[in-house]
C-alpha atoms as a PDB file:
ATOM      1  CA  UNK A   1       3.132   8.440 -14.203  1.00  0.00           C
ATOM      2  CA  UNK A   2       2.265   8.348 -10.513  1.00  0.00           C
ATOM      3  CA  UNK A   3      -0.603  10.497  -9.315  1.00  0.00           C
ATOM      4  CA  UNK A   4      -0.652  12.550  -6.107  1.00  0.00           C
ATOM      5  CA  UNK A   5      -2.199   9.828  -3.930  1.00  0.00           C
ATOM      6  CA  UNK A   6       0.317   7.234  -5.130  1.00  0.00           C
ATOM      7  CA  UNK A   7       3.231   9.595  -4.481  1.00  0.00           C
ATOM      8  CA  UNK A   8       1.888  10.394  -1.005  1.00  0.00           C
ATOM      9  CA  UNK A   9       1.585   6.682  -0.218  1.00  0.00           C
ATOM     10  CA  UNK A  10       5.166   6.084  -1.387  1.00  0.00           C
ATOM     11  CA  UNK A  11       6.470   8.970   0.750  1.00  0.00           C
ATOM     12  CA  UNK A  12       4.588   7.857   3.871  1.00  0.00           C
ATOM     13  CA  UNK A  13       5.749   4.244   3.541  1.00  0.00           C
ATOM     14  CA  UNK A  14       9.363   5.276   2.886  1.00  0.00           C
ATOM     15  CA  UNK A  15       9.338   7.480   5.987  1.00  0.00           C
ATOM     16  CA  UNK A  16       7.680   4.862   8.219  1.00  0.00           C
ATOM     17  CA  UNK A  17       9.583   1.743   7.181  1.00  0.00           C
ATOM     18  CA  UNK A  18      12.801   2.605   5.272  1.00  0.00           C
ATOM     19  CA  UNK A  19      11.920  -0.325   3.009  1.00  0.00           C
ATOM     20  CA  UNK A  20      14.424  -2.429   1.126  1.00  0.00           C
ATOM     21  CA  UNK A  21      11.759  -2.801  -1.557  1.00  0.00           C
ATOM     22  CA  UNK A  22       8.638  -0.756  -2.200  1.00  0.00           C
ATOM     23  CA  UNK A  23       6.142  -1.033  -5.010  1.00  0.00           C
ATOM     24  CA  UNK A  24       2.939   0.980  -4.971  1.00  0.00           C
ATOM     25  CA  UNK A  25       0.963  -0.287  -7.948  1.00  0.00           C
ATOM     26  CA  UNK A  26      -2.090   1.559  -9.242  1.00  0.00           C
ATOM     27  CA  UNK A  27      -4.658  -1.130 -10.119  1.00  0.00           C
ATOM     28  CA  UNK A  28      -7.502   1.307 -10.788  1.00  0.00           C
ATOM     29  CA  UNK A  29      -7.695   0.700 -14.545  1.00  0.00           C
ATOM     30  CA  UNK A  30      -8.440  -2.974 -13.880  1.00  0.00           C
ATOM     31  CA  UNK A  31     -11.464  -1.941 -11.802  1.00  0.00           C
ATOM     32  CA  UNK A  32     -13.002   0.647 -14.135  1.00  0.00           C
ATOM     33  CA  UNK A  33     -16.757   0.626 -13.708  1.00  0.00           C
ATOM     34  CA  UNK A  34     -16.629  -1.515 -10.553  1.00  0.00           C
ATOM     35  CA  UNK A  35     -17.677  -0.485  -7.069  1.00  0.00           C
ATOM     36  CA  UNK A  36     -15.363   2.116  -5.610  1.00  0.00           C
ATOM     37  CA  UNK A  37     -14.126   3.429  -8.962  1.00  0.00           C
ATOM     38  CA  UNK A  38     -14.652   7.113  -8.264  1.00  0.00           C
ATOM     39  CA  UNK A  39     -13.202   8.297 -11.577  1.00  0.00           C
ATOM     40  CA  UNK A  40     -10.105   9.769  -9.900  1.00  0.00           C
ATOM     41  CA  UNK A  41      -7.799   7.196 -11.443  1.00  0.00           C
ATOM     42  CA  UNK A  42      -6.476   6.429  -7.953  1.00  0.00           C
ATOM     43  CA  UNK A  43      -9.028   4.225  -6.191  1.00  0.00           C
ATOM     44  CA  UNK A  44      -7.407   0.753  -6.163  1.00  0.00           C
ATOM     45  CA  UNK A  45      -3.789  -0.037  -5.214  1.00  0.00           C
ATOM     46  CA  UNK A  46      -1.471  -2.899  -4.372  1.00  0.00           C
ATOM     47  CA  UNK A  47       1.462  -2.297  -2.024  1.00  0.00           C
ATOM     48  CA  UNK A  48       4.433  -4.656  -1.954  1.00  0.00           C
ATOM     49  CA  UNK A  49       6.835  -3.655   0.796  1.00  0.00           C
ATOM     50  CA  UNK A  50       9.864  -5.343   2.342  1.00  0.00           C
ATOM     51  CA  UNK A  51      11.197  -3.961   5.601  1.00  0.00           C
ATOM     52  CA  UNK A  52      13.030  -5.147   8.698  1.00  0.00           C
ATOM     53  CA  UNK A  53      10.210  -3.518  10.675  1.00  0.00           C
ATOM     54  CA  UNK A  54       8.021  -6.517   9.793  1.00  0.00           C
ATOM     55  CA  UNK A  55      10.354  -9.146  11.289  1.00  0.00           C
ATOM     56  CA  UNK A  56       8.594 -11.278  13.874  1.00  0.00           C
ATOM     57  CA  UNK A  57       5.182  -9.793  13.073  1.00  0.00           C
ATOM     58  CA  UNK A  58       2.134 -11.711  11.859  1.00  0.00           C
ATOM     59  CA  UNK A  59       0.574 -11.012   8.480  1.00  0.00           C
ATOM     60  CA  UNK A  60      -2.266  -9.129  10.188  1.00  0.00           C
ATOM     61  CA  UNK A  61       0.123  -7.041  12.318  1.00  0.00           C
ATOM     62  CA  UNK A  62       2.084  -6.098   9.194  1.00  0.00           C
ATOM     63  CA  UNK A  63      -1.065  -5.030   7.360  1.00  0.00           C
ATOM     64  CA  UNK A  64      -2.171  -2.954  10.334  1.00  0.00           C
ATOM     65  CA  UNK A  65       1.249  -1.274  10.462  1.00  0.00           C
ATOM     66  CA  UNK A  66       0.989  -0.316   6.793  1.00  0.00           C
ATOM     67  CA  UNK A  67      -2.581   0.941   7.200  1.00  0.00           C
ATOM     68  CA  UNK A  68      -1.565   3.053  10.227  1.00  0.00           C
ATOM     69  CA  UNK A  69       1.344   4.559   8.298  1.00  0.00           C
ATOM     70  CA  UNK A  70      -1.034   5.537   5.482  1.00  0.00           C
ATOM     71  CA  UNK A  71      -3.409   7.387   7.809  1.00  0.00           C
ATOM     72  CA  UNK A  72      -6.718   8.310   6.180  1.00  0.00           C
ATOM     73  CA  UNK A  73      -5.776   7.060   2.709  1.00  0.00           C
ATOM     74  CA  UNK A  74      -7.151   3.496   3.010  1.00  0.00           C
ATOM     75  CA  UNK A  75     -10.925   3.555   3.212  1.00  0.00           C
ATOM     76  CA  UNK A  76     -11.210   7.323   2.854  1.00  0.00           C
ATOM     77  CA  UNK A  77      -9.321   8.308  -0.289  1.00  0.00           C
ATOM     78  CA  UNK A  78      -8.579   4.833  -1.670  1.00  0.00           C
ATOM     79  CA  UNK A  79     -11.379   2.293  -2.033  1.00  0.00           C
ATOM     80  CA  UNK A  80      -9.243  -0.871  -2.124  1.00  0.00           C
ATOM     81  CA  UNK A  81      -5.723  -1.614  -0.939  1.00  0.00           C
ATOM     82  CA  UNK A  82      -4.012  -4.991  -1.227  1.00  0.00           C
ATOM     83  CA  UNK A  83      -0.927  -5.286   0.981  1.00  0.00           C
ATOM     84  CA  UNK A  84       1.965  -7.717   0.762  1.00  0.00           C
ATOM     85  CA  UNK A  85       4.301  -6.817   3.621  1.00  0.00           C
ATOM     86  CA  UNK A  86       7.379  -8.992   4.056  1.00  0.00           C
ATOM     87  CA  UNK A  87      10.481  -9.029   6.214  1.00  0.00           C
ATOM     88  CA  UNK A  88      13.947  -9.643   4.756  1.00  0.00           C
ATOM     89  CA  UNK A  89      14.480 -13.360   4.386  1.00  0.00           C
ATOM     90  CA  UNK A  90      10.788 -14.219   4.210  1.00  0.00           C
ATOM     91  CA  UNK A  91       9.919 -16.791   1.581  1.00  0.00           C
ATOM     92  CA  UNK A  92       6.961 -16.671  -0.792  1.00  0.00           C
END
């Protein structure tokens, strides 16, 4: 079951990118006891997002776009965020 931070991330990314595919994966359990595990159960995430908004953008530009859309969540409320942002038709 998704927690409040995960749901907020999903809502923000849906609104910003109208993605064809969106997965917000809570990886926190894999990092239990590691740095940044604040006990909230929502400290480490992976985002996989596919959107036309990423067409023609570099990997770094795409990651910055996602981070901007998430506002204060990365680095403030979430310790670690892995981002895989792809455009339709991208391979890999």
